[in-house]
């Protein structure tokens, strides 16, 4: 069961990129009690996204694109976000 922050991440990324694959993993339990753990259980995430929007785009720009699509979530309600973004057919 995903929480509201996880659902919002998924909703925003689906709207921005129409990905062929999207996995939002909540890693917060691994960071319980560490810096950035706000006790919500939704502070640390990994996003794996595959979308045609990333074709021909550098890794850094892909990260920026995802962060822009997420708006105020990173840094506000999400402490840490690992992003694995690729175009269809990439490994």
N, C-alpha and C. Protein backbone atom coordinates (compact mmCIF):
# COMPACT_ATOMS: atom_id res chain seq x y z
N UNK A 1 0.85 -1.19 0.00
CA UNK A 1 0.00 0.00 0.00
C UNK A 1 0.89 1.24 0.00
N UNK A 2 0.65 2.11 -0.93
CA UNK A 2 1.45 3.33 -1.01
C UNK A 2 0.72 4.47 -0.31
N UNK A 3 1.52 5.37 0.25
CA UNK A 3 0.98 6.51 0.97
C UNK A 3 0.70 7.68 0.06
N UNK A 4 0.22 8.78 0.62
CA UNK A 4 -0.14 9.93 -0.20
C UNK A 4 1.02 10.58 -0.95
N UNK A 5 2.19 10.63 -0.37
CA UNK A 5 3.34 11.23 -1.06
C UNK A 5 3.75 10.35 -2.24
N UNK A 6 3.82 9.06 -2.00
CA UNK A 6 4.15 8.11 -3.06
C UNK A 6 3.15 8.21 -4.21
N UNK A 7 1.88 8.29 -3.88
CA UNK A 7 0.84 8.40 -4.90
C UNK A 7 0.96 9.71 -5.68
N UNK A 8 1.31 10.78 -4.99
CA UNK A 8 1.47 12.07 -5.66
C UNK A 8 2.67 12.06 -6.60
N UNK A 9 3.76 11.43 -6.18
CA UNK A 9 4.93 11.29 -7.06
C UNK A 9 4.51 10.56 -8.33
N UNK A 10 3.83 9.45 -8.16
CA UNK A 10 3.40 8.67 -9.32
C UNK A 10 2.46 9.47 -10.22
N UNK A 11 1.50 10.16 -9.64
CA UNK A 11 0.54 10.94 -10.42
C UNK A 11 1.25 12.03 -11.23
N UNK A 12 2.16 12.77 -10.58
CA UNK A 12 2.85 13.86 -11.28
C UNK A 12 3.73 13.34 -12.42
N UNK A 13 4.42 12.21 -12.18
CA UNK A 13 5.30 11.68 -13.22
C UNK A 13 4.50 11.09 -14.38
N UNK A 14 3.39 10.44 -14.09
CA UNK A 14 2.54 9.91 -15.16
C UNK A 14 1.99 11.05 -16.01
N UNK A 15 1.57 12.13 -15.38
CA UNK A 15 1.03 13.27 -16.11
C UNK A 15 2.09 13.94 -16.97
N UNK A 16 3.32 14.05 -16.46
CA UNK A 16 4.38 14.76 -17.17
C UNK A 16 5.00 13.95 -18.29
N UNK A 17 5.11 12.62 -18.12
CA UNK A 17 5.91 11.83 -19.05
C UNK A 17 5.17 10.68 -19.74
N UNK A 18 3.98 10.31 -19.29
CA UNK A 18 3.27 9.14 -19.84
C UNK A 18 4.25 7.97 -19.98
N UNK A 19 4.89 7.57 -18.89
CA UNK A 19 5.94 6.56 -18.98
C UNK A 19 5.41 5.18 -19.37
N UNK A 20 6.27 4.41 -20.05
CA UNK A 20 5.94 3.03 -20.35
C UNK A 20 6.21 2.14 -19.15
N UNK A 21 7.05 2.63 -18.24
CA UNK A 21 7.34 1.92 -16.99
C UNK A 21 7.60 2.95 -15.90
N UNK A 22 6.98 2.74 -14.74
CA UNK A 22 7.21 3.63 -13.60
C UNK A 22 7.09 2.82 -12.32
N UNK A 23 8.16 2.87 -11.53
CA UNK A 23 8.17 2.21 -10.23
C UNK A 23 8.60 3.25 -9.20
N UNK A 24 7.75 3.49 -8.21
CA UNK A 24 8.07 4.40 -7.11
C UNK A 24 8.23 3.54 -5.86
N UNK A 25 9.45 3.48 -5.35
CA UNK A 25 9.75 2.66 -4.18
C UNK A 25 9.97 3.55 -2.96
N UNK A 26 9.28 3.23 -1.88
CA UNK A 26 9.44 3.98 -0.64
C UNK A 26 10.58 3.33 0.15
N UNK A 27 11.69 4.03 0.28
CA UNK A 27 12.88 3.54 0.98
C UNK A 27 12.97 4.06 2.41
N UNK A 28 11.93 4.72 2.88
CA UNK A 28 11.98 5.42 4.17
C UNK A 28 12.32 4.51 5.34
N UNK A 29 11.84 3.29 5.34
CA UNK A 29 12.09 2.39 6.46
C UNK A 29 13.59 2.12 6.64
N UNK A 30 14.34 2.16 5.54
CA UNK A 30 15.79 1.95 5.61
C UNK A 30 16.50 3.13 6.28
N UNK A 31 15.81 4.26 6.38
CA UNK A 31 16.42 5.49 6.90
C UNK A 31 15.78 5.93 8.21
N UNK A 32 14.99 5.08 8.83
CA UNK A 32 14.31 5.42 10.07
C UNK A 32 15.32 5.88 11.13
N UNK A 33 15.09 7.04 11.67
CA UNK A 33 15.97 7.59 12.70
C UNK A 33 17.16 8.35 12.16
N UNK A 34 17.35 8.34 10.87
CA UNK A 34 18.47 9.07 10.26
C UNK A 34 18.06 10.50 9.96
N UNK A 35 19.03 11.29 9.56
CA UNK A 35 18.76 12.67 9.16
C UNK A 35 17.75 12.69 8.02
N UNK A 36 16.78 13.56 8.12
CA UNK A 36 15.78 13.68 7.07
C UNK A 36 14.55 12.82 7.29
N UNK A 37 14.61 11.89 8.24
CA UNK A 37 13.45 11.07 8.56
C UNK A 37 12.50 11.91 9.39
N UNK A 38 11.38 12.27 8.79
CA UNK A 38 10.43 13.15 9.49
C UNK A 38 9.37 12.37 10.26
N UNK A 39 9.49 11.05 10.28
CA UNK A 39 8.54 10.23 11.01
C UNK A 39 7.27 9.90 10.23
N UNK A 40 7.13 10.46 9.03
CA UNK A 40 5.93 10.23 8.22
C UNK A 40 5.94 8.86 7.55
N UNK A 41 7.12 8.28 7.44
CA UNK A 41 7.24 7.03 6.70
C UNK A 41 7.29 7.27 5.20
N UNK A 42 7.35 8.53 4.79
CA UNK A 42 7.44 8.87 3.37
C UNK A 42 8.42 10.02 3.16
N UNK A 43 9.70 9.74 3.39
CA UNK A 43 10.71 10.78 3.26
C UNK A 43 11.80 10.43 2.25
N UNK A 44 11.97 9.15 1.94
CA UNK A 44 13.03 8.69 1.05
C UNK A 44 12.43 7.78 -0.03
N UNK A 45 12.72 8.09 -1.30
CA UNK A 45 12.14 7.33 -2.40
C UNK A 45 13.16 7.04 -3.49
N UNK A 46 12.91 5.98 -4.24
CA UNK A 46 13.61 5.70 -5.48
C UNK A 46 12.56 5.67 -6.58
N UNK A 47 12.85 6.37 -7.67
CA UNK A 47 11.95 6.40 -8.83
C UNK A 47 12.69 5.76 -10.00
N UNK A 48 12.07 4.76 -10.61
CA UNK A 48 12.57 4.18 -11.85
C UNK A 48 11.52 4.51 -12.90
N UNK A 49 11.94 5.26 -13.91
CA UNK A 49 11.00 5.72 -14.93
C UNK A 49 11.59 5.52 -16.32
N UNK A 50 10.76 5.02 -17.22
CA UNK A 50 11.16 4.82 -18.61
C UNK A 50 10.14 5.55 -19.47
N UNK A 51 10.61 6.52 -20.24
CA UNK A 51 9.72 7.33 -21.06
C UNK A 51 10.45 7.84 -22.29
N UNK A 52 9.72 8.02 -23.37
CA UNK A 52 10.32 8.49 -24.61
C UNK A 52 10.87 9.91 -24.47
N UNK A 53 10.37 10.68 -23.51
CA UNK A 53 10.86 12.05 -23.29
C UNK A 53 12.35 12.09 -22.95
N UNK A 54 12.91 10.97 -22.51
CA UNK A 54 14.31 10.94 -22.10
C UNK A 54 15.26 10.55 -23.24
N UNK A 55 14.73 10.24 -24.41
CA UNK A 55 15.57 9.86 -25.55
C UNK A 55 16.47 11.03 -25.95
N UNK A 56 17.76 10.75 -26.07
CA UNK A 56 18.71 11.77 -26.50
C UNK A 56 19.01 12.83 -25.47
N UNK A 57 18.62 12.60 -24.22
CA UNK A 57 18.80 13.58 -23.14
C UNK A 57 19.85 13.06 -22.17
N UNK A 58 20.73 13.93 -21.70
CA UNK A 58 21.78 13.51 -20.76
C UNK A 58 21.18 13.07 -19.43
N UNK A 59 21.97 12.31 -18.70
CA UNK A 59 21.53 11.83 -17.39
C UNK A 59 21.18 12.99 -16.46
N UNK A 60 22.00 14.03 -16.46
CA UNK A 60 21.75 15.19 -15.61
C UNK A 60 20.45 15.88 -15.99
N UNK A 61 20.22 16.07 -17.28
CA UNK A 61 18.99 16.73 -17.71
C UNK A 61 17.76 15.88 -17.39
N UNK A 62 17.89 14.56 -17.46
CA UNK A 62 16.79 13.67 -17.07
C UNK A 62 16.42 13.88 -15.61
N UNK A 63 17.44 13.98 -14.77
CA UNK A 63 17.21 14.23 -13.34
C UNK A 63 16.47 15.55 -13.15
N UNK A 64 16.93 16.56 -13.86
CA UNK A 64 16.30 17.88 -13.77
C UNK A 64 14.85 17.83 -14.23
N UNK A 65 14.58 17.11 -15.31
CA UNK A 65 13.22 16.97 -15.84
C UNK A 65 12.29 16.35 -14.80
N UNK A 66 12.77 15.28 -14.16
CA UNK A 66 11.96 14.61 -13.13
C UNK A 66 11.73 15.54 -11.96
N UNK A 67 12.77 16.22 -11.51
CA UNK A 67 12.62 17.15 -10.38
C UNK A 67 11.65 18.28 -10.71
N UNK A 68 11.72 18.80 -11.94
CA UNK A 68 10.77 19.85 -12.34
C UNK A 68 9.34 19.32 -12.30
N UNK A 69 9.14 18.10 -12.79
CA UNK A 69 7.80 17.51 -12.81
C UNK A 69 7.26 17.31 -11.39
N UNK A 70 8.15 17.07 -10.45
CA UNK A 70 7.73 16.84 -9.06
C UNK A 70 7.51 18.13 -8.29
N UNK A 71 7.92 19.25 -8.88
CA UNK A 71 7.65 20.55 -8.27
C UNK A 71 8.23 20.70 -6.88
N UNK A 72 7.38 20.98 -5.91
CA UNK A 72 7.83 21.27 -4.55
C UNK A 72 8.04 20.03 -3.68
N UNK A 73 7.77 18.83 -4.21
CA UNK A 73 7.93 17.63 -3.38
C UNK A 73 9.38 17.43 -2.90
N UNK A 74 10.37 17.39 -3.83
CA UNK A 74 11.75 17.24 -3.34
C UNK A 74 12.15 18.48 -2.53
N UNK A 75 12.67 18.25 -1.36
CA UNK A 75 13.09 19.36 -0.52
C UNK A 75 12.01 19.85 0.43
N UNK A 76 10.77 19.56 0.12
CA UNK A 76 9.67 19.95 1.02
C UNK A 76 9.17 18.72 1.77
N UNK A 77 8.51 17.83 1.06
CA UNK A 77 7.97 16.63 1.71
C UNK A 77 8.82 15.40 1.48
N UNK A 78 9.75 15.47 0.55
CA UNK A 78 10.64 14.34 0.26
C UNK A 78 12.07 14.78 0.56
N UNK A 79 12.72 14.06 1.47
CA UNK A 79 14.08 14.41 1.87
C UNK A 79 15.10 13.90 0.86
N UNK A 80 14.91 12.68 0.37
CA UNK A 80 15.88 12.09 -0.55
C UNK A 80 15.15 11.37 -1.68
N UNK A 81 15.66 11.57 -2.91
CA UNK A 81 15.04 10.97 -4.08
C UNK A 81 16.13 10.46 -5.01
N UNK A 82 16.16 9.15 -5.22
CA UNK A 82 17.07 8.54 -6.19
C UNK A 82 16.29 8.37 -7.48
N UNK A 83 16.87 8.83 -8.59
CA UNK A 83 16.15 8.81 -9.87
C UNK A 83 16.93 7.96 -10.87
N UNK A 84 16.24 6.98 -11.44
CA UNK A 84 16.79 6.15 -12.51
C UNK A 84 15.87 6.37 -13.71
N UNK A 85 16.27 7.27 -14.60
CA UNK A 85 15.44 7.63 -15.75
C UNK A 85 16.11 7.15 -17.04
N UNK A 86 15.33 6.50 -17.90
CA UNK A 86 15.86 6.05 -19.17
C UNK A 86 14.79 6.09 -20.26
N UNK A 87 15.27 6.07 -21.47
CA UNK A 87 14.37 6.02 -22.63
C UNK A 87 14.07 4.55 -22.94
N UNK A 88 12.95 4.27 -23.59
CA UNK A 88 12.64 2.89 -23.97
C UNK A 88 13.77 2.27 -24.79
N UNK A 89 14.11 1.05 -24.46
CA UNK A 89 15.18 0.34 -25.16
C UNK A 89 16.55 0.51 -24.55
N UNK A 90 16.71 1.44 -23.62
CA UNK A 90 18.00 1.62 -22.94
C UNK A 90 18.10 0.65 -21.78
N UNK A 91 19.33 0.28 -21.47
CA UNK A 91 19.57 -0.59 -20.31
C UNK A 91 19.80 0.22 -19.07
